[in-house]
Amino acid sequence: MPPLPPALKALLAQLCGWGTVWLLGQTGLLPDGVWLLALNQAIAATIVAAILRSARWWLPIHLAFTPLVFAAHALEIPSGVWLAVFAVFALVYWSSYRTQVPLFLTNRQTACAVAGLLPSGPIEVLDVGCGIGSFLTAFARQRPDVRLTGIESAPAPFALARLRAHPGITVIRGDFFAQSWAGYDLVYAFLSPVPMPDVWKKARCEMKPGSLFVSNSFGIPGVEPNRVIEVADRRRTRLLVFEIPVFLN
């Protein structure tokens, strides 16, 4: 049986939380008070989410969701505010609920470390899931001789990346799985653990022999990197460098 999509897991967890509260109410075990009701629902939903093996970052969301809804109702916040907040989150995170790839920002030290992997000359670099263009702009300052391309699906980060783009930087809106990675000397990714097996499959099928795939922080299950670079930044970034060998193409 295929695994449940993350959004369906979240819905089931919330429904089970409310079902648990209803059962407690029917048996007389639910303490009086609206806030105790919200807390019990939140705890039950969080436990169910853990049982369903939701990603860890879903757990605090389930724990806070119902209490925050009750708090918003108590404060009588206008519905238009929630619509505006939803619109902002949708524009920023777009399909993160499906891909489980949040918005990560690459710092200057990391971009410099990646730039040091490439020789001089005409080089093509691709940033998959480029966000607001942090990696692209920092890399371009270090290596103005390199042609850079970024792919981003979320509307707001894409628009900001386009505004920040230097000469030599191209930003494309779309799904990076739908775009070809052929012809690039280096592909950089700062995603999440979830898509890494599929990302590696695409890299080894499309990238040319001798090119580099660099993952910020997240490894590929069952595959050892050719090199690991420890970046001297605040978050102690680890860059996992994979060279595409001849026999995979």
Protein backbone atom coordinates (compact mmCIF):
# COMPACT_ATOMS: atom_id res chain seq x y z
CA MET A 1 0.00 0.00 0.00
CA PRO A 2 1.50 3.40 -0.98
CA PRO A 3 2.16 5.87 1.86
CA LEU A 4 -0.50 8.44 2.59
CA PRO A 5 0.10 11.98 1.29
CA PRO A 6 1.16 14.42 4.05
CA ALA A 7 -2.00 16.52 3.67
CA LEU A 8 -4.22 13.45 4.11
CA LYS A 9 -2.25 12.43 7.20
CA ALA A 10 -2.82 15.90 8.65
CA LEU A 11 -6.56 15.73 7.96
CA LEU A 12 -6.85 12.26 9.51
CA ALA A 13 -4.92 13.38 12.60
CA GLN A 14 -7.24 16.34 13.14
CA LEU A 15 -10.37 14.26 12.59
CA CYS A 16 -9.12 11.59 15.00
CA GLY A 17 -8.38 14.33 17.53
CA TRP A 18 -11.96 15.53 17.36
CA GLY A 19 -13.22 11.94 17.47
CA THR A 20 -11.23 11.35 20.64
CA VAL A 21 -12.68 14.46 22.26
CA TRP A 22 -16.21 13.34 21.30
CA LEU A 23 -15.65 9.90 22.83
CA LEU A 24 -14.27 11.43 26.02
CA GLY A 25 -17.32 13.67 26.19
CA GLN A 26 -19.68 10.75 25.71
CA THR A 27 -18.07 8.80 28.54
CA GLY A 28 -17.94 11.81 30.87
CA LEU A 29 -14.12 11.75 31.02
CA LEU A 30 -13.65 15.12 29.31
CA PRO A 31 -13.00 17.90 31.86
CA ASP A 32 -15.18 20.98 31.71
CA GLY A 33 -13.89 24.07 29.93
CA VAL A 34 -13.42 25.05 26.30
CA TRP A 35 -9.64 25.37 26.63
CA LEU A 36 -9.34 21.87 28.09
CA LEU A 37 -11.36 20.62 25.12
CA ALA A 38 -8.96 22.35 22.72
CA LEU A 39 -5.91 21.03 24.56
CA ASN A 40 -7.20 17.44 24.57
CA GLN A 41 -8.00 17.61 20.87
CA ALA A 42 -4.55 18.98 20.11
CA ILE A 43 -2.79 16.29 22.13
CA ALA A 44 -4.85 13.53 20.52
CA ALA A 45 -4.21 14.88 17.01
CA THR A 46 -0.48 15.11 17.70
CA ILE A 47 -0.35 11.51 18.94
CA VAL A 48 -2.22 10.27 15.87
CA ALA A 49 0.12 12.25 13.59
CA ALA A 50 3.10 10.59 15.28
CA ILE A 51 1.50 7.15 14.84
CA LEU A 52 0.98 7.93 11.14
CA ARG A 53 4.68 8.81 10.95
CA SER A 54 4.13 12.37 9.84
CA ALA A 55 7.25 14.48 9.46
CA ARG A 56 8.41 15.83 12.82
CA TRP A 57 7.64 19.43 11.93
CA TRP A 58 3.94 18.49 11.62
CA LEU A 59 3.74 17.64 15.32
CA PRO A 60 4.01 21.19 16.75
CA ILE A 61 1.54 22.31 14.06
CA HIS A 62 -1.05 19.81 15.28
CA LEU A 63 -0.33 20.70 18.89
CA ALA A 64 -0.93 24.41 18.27
CA PHE A 65 -3.63 24.34 15.59
CA THR A 66 -6.88 23.98 17.58
CA PRO A 67 -5.80 26.16 20.54
CA LEU A 68 -4.88 28.91 18.08
CA VAL A 69 -8.25 28.59 16.33
CA PHE A 70 -10.02 28.93 19.68
CA ALA A 71 -7.82 31.90 20.60
CA ALA A 72 -8.58 33.61 17.29
CA HIS A 73 -12.29 33.10 17.85
CA ALA A 74 -12.06 34.50 21.38
CA LEU A 75 -10.21 37.58 20.10
CA GLU A 76 -12.83 38.08 17.37
CA ILE A 77 -10.22 38.55 14.67
CA PRO A 78 -11.95 39.46 11.34
CA SER A 79 -12.15 36.65 8.81
CA GLY A 80 -10.47 38.85 6.22
CA VAL A 81 -7.27 38.75 8.25
CA TRP A 82 -7.17 34.96 8.02
CA LEU A 83 -7.82 35.10 4.29
CA ALA A 84 -4.91 37.51 3.89
CA VAL A 85 -2.62 35.31 6.00
CA PHE A 86 -3.64 32.24 3.98
CA ALA A 87 -2.93 34.08 0.72
CA VAL A 88 0.54 35.11 1.91
CA PHE A 89 1.43 31.60 3.03
CA ALA A 90 0.11 30.15 -0.24
CA LEU A 91 2.22 32.55 -2.29
CA VAL A 92 5.36 31.81 -0.26
CA TYR A 93 5.08 28.07 0.30
CA TRP A 94 2.81 27.12 -2.63
CA SER A 95 3.10 23.29 -2.97
CA SER A 96 5.18 22.62 0.17
CA TYR A 97 2.30 20.59 1.62
CA ARG A 98 2.81 18.13 -1.27
CA THR A 99 6.57 18.25 -1.83
CA GLN A 100 7.49 18.67 1.86
CA VAL A 101 10.20 21.11 0.78
CA PRO A 102 10.09 24.28 2.91
CA LEU A 103 11.74 27.58 2.07
CA PHE A 104 15.42 27.41 3.04
CA LEU A 105 17.83 30.30 2.51
CA THR A 106 21.47 29.73 1.54
CA ASN A 107 23.98 32.03 3.22
CA ARG A 108 26.99 33.72 1.61
CA GLN A 109 29.57 31.39 3.20
CA THR A 110 27.85 28.35 1.72
CA ALA A 111 27.64 29.90 -1.75
CA CYS A 112 31.35 30.74 -1.57
CA ALA A 113 32.17 27.15 -0.60
CA VAL A 114 30.24 25.82 -3.60
CA ALA A 115 31.89 28.37 -5.90
CA GLY A 116 35.28 27.01 -4.84
CA LEU A 117 34.42 23.60 -6.30
CA LEU A 118 34.44 24.83 -9.89
CA PRO A 119 37.36 25.64 -12.17
CA SER A 120 37.55 28.88 -14.13
CA GLY A 121 36.03 29.06 -17.58
CA PRO A 122 32.52 28.81 -19.05
CA ILE A 123 30.52 27.01 -16.38
CA GLU A 124 26.77 26.34 -16.09
CA VAL A 125 25.24 26.06 -12.59
CA LEU A 126 21.64 25.17 -11.69
CA ASP A 127 19.92 25.84 -8.35
CA VAL A 128 16.84 23.63 -7.97
CA GLY A 129 14.28 25.19 -5.65
CA CYS A 130 16.14 28.49 -5.64
CA GLY A 131 13.73 30.31 -3.29
CA ILE A 132 14.38 34.05 -3.23
CA GLY A 133 17.70 33.67 -5.06
CA SER A 134 20.03 33.82 -2.05
CA PHE A 135 22.44 31.23 -3.48
CA LEU A 136 22.32 32.68 -6.99
CA THR A 137 23.13 36.25 -6.01
CA ALA A 138 25.89 35.29 -3.55
CA PHE A 139 27.43 32.89 -6.07
CA ALA A 140 27.34 35.50 -8.84
CA ARG A 141 29.35 37.92 -6.70
CA GLN A 142 32.07 35.30 -6.27
CA ARG A 143 32.02 34.00 -9.82
CA PRO A 144 30.75 36.56 -12.35
CA ASP A 145 32.10 34.29 -15.13
CA VAL A 146 29.55 31.56 -14.34
CA ARG A 147 26.11 31.31 -15.96
CA LEU A 148 23.51 30.63 -13.27
CA THR A 149 19.97 29.29 -13.54
CA GLY A 150 17.44 28.94 -10.74
CA ILE A 151 14.11 27.11 -10.74
CA GLU A 152 11.36 28.00 -8.24
CA SER A 153 7.66 27.08 -8.19
CA ALA A 154 6.29 29.35 -5.44
CA PRO A 155 5.10 32.71 -6.86
CA ALA A 156 6.39 35.08 -4.16
CA PRO A 157 9.95 33.68 -3.85
CA PHE A 158 10.14 33.43 -7.66
CA ALA A 159 9.20 37.09 -8.07
CA LEU A 160 11.76 38.19 -5.49
CA ALA A 161 14.45 36.03 -7.07
CA ARG A 162 13.76 37.64 -10.44
CA LEU A 163 14.01 41.13 -8.91
CA ARG A 164 17.35 40.26 -7.26
CA ALA A 165 18.85 38.58 -10.32
CA HIS A 166 22.19 39.93 -11.55
CA PRO A 167 23.30 39.80 -15.20
CA GLY A 168 24.13 36.18 -15.97
CA ILE A 169 21.34 34.84 -13.71
CA THR A 170 18.21 33.28 -15.20
CA VAL A 171 15.27 32.43 -12.94
CA ILE A 172 12.56 30.07 -14.20
CA ARG A 173 9.20 29.44 -12.56
CA GLY A 174 8.20 25.79 -12.56
CA ASP A 175 8.76 22.30 -11.20
CA PHE A 176 12.46 21.42 -11.18
CA PHE A 177 11.59 17.77 -11.85
CA ALA A 178 9.96 18.87 -15.12
CA GLN A 179 13.05 20.82 -16.28
CA SER A 180 16.07 19.17 -17.86
CA TRP A 181 19.31 19.12 -15.83
CA ALA A 182 21.42 18.13 -18.82
CA GLY A 183 24.31 20.41 -19.72
CA TYR A 184 24.95 21.79 -16.24
CA ASP A 185 28.38 21.43 -14.65
CA LEU A 186 26.95 21.69 -11.13
CA VAL A 187 23.46 21.32 -9.69
CA TYR A 188 22.86 22.70 -6.18
CA ALA A 189 19.93 21.67 -3.96
CA PHE A 190 18.81 22.78 -0.50
CA LEU A 191 15.56 20.86 -0.17
CA SER A 192 14.57 18.31 2.51
CA PRO A 193 15.11 14.58 3.11
CA VAL A 194 11.80 13.64 1.41
CA PRO A 195 12.59 14.23 -2.31
CA MET A 196 16.28 13.24 -2.21
CA PRO A 197 15.91 9.71 -3.68
CA ASP A 198 13.99 11.09 -6.68
CA VAL A 199 16.37 14.04 -6.97
CA TRP A 200 19.38 11.70 -7.14
CA LYS A 201 17.63 9.49 -9.72
CA LYS A 202 17.06 12.52 -11.94
CA ALA A 203 20.62 13.79 -11.42
CA ARG A 204 22.28 10.54 -12.39
CA CYS A 205 19.98 10.07 -15.40
CA GLU A 206 20.34 13.56 -16.88
CA MET A 207 23.57 15.17 -15.70
CA LYS A 208 26.72 14.68 -17.75
CA PRO A 209 29.62 12.49 -16.51
CA GLY A 210 32.04 14.37 -14.25
CA SER A 211 29.50 17.02 -13.28
CA LEU A 212 28.70 17.67 -9.62
CA PHE A 213 25.51 17.41 -7.64
CA VAL A 214 25.77 19.31 -4.34
CA SER A 215 23.18 18.87 -1.58
CA ASN A 216 23.06 21.27 1.33
CA SER A 217 22.61 19.25 4.55
CA PHE A 218 20.46 16.40 3.21
CA GLY A 219 21.97 13.10 2.14
CA ILE A 220 20.86 10.49 -0.36
CA PRO A 221 19.79 7.19 1.24
CA GLY A 222 22.28 4.44 0.49
CA VAL A 223 24.69 6.71 -1.42
CA GLU A 224 27.96 7.98 0.03
CA PRO A 225 29.07 11.43 -1.13
CA ASN A 226 32.43 11.77 -2.85
CA ARG A 227 33.22 14.66 -0.57
CA VAL A 228 31.78 16.45 2.45
CA ILE A 229 32.54 20.14 3.00
CA GLU A 230 32.11 21.63 6.45
CA VAL A 231 31.19 25.31 6.08
CA ALA A 232 32.37 27.65 8.84
CA ASP A 233 29.03 29.36 9.29
CA ARG A 234 26.68 29.74 12.25
CA ARG A 235 24.54 26.73 11.39
CA ARG A 236 27.56 24.50 10.63
CA THR A 237 26.38 23.68 7.14
CA ARG A 238 27.50 20.42 5.57
CA LEU A 239 27.73 20.25 1.79
CA LEU A 240 27.47 16.75 0.35
CA VAL A 241 29.21 16.57 -3.02
CA PHE A 242 28.34 13.78 -5.47
CA GLU A 243 30.24 13.34 -8.74
CA ILE A 244 28.24 11.86 -11.62
CA PRO A 245 30.27 8.87 -12.86
CA VAL A 246 30.47 7.72 -16.47
CA PHE A 247 28.69 4.39 -16.01
CA LEU A 248 25.46 6.00 -14.81
CA ASN A 249 24.84 7.82 -18.09
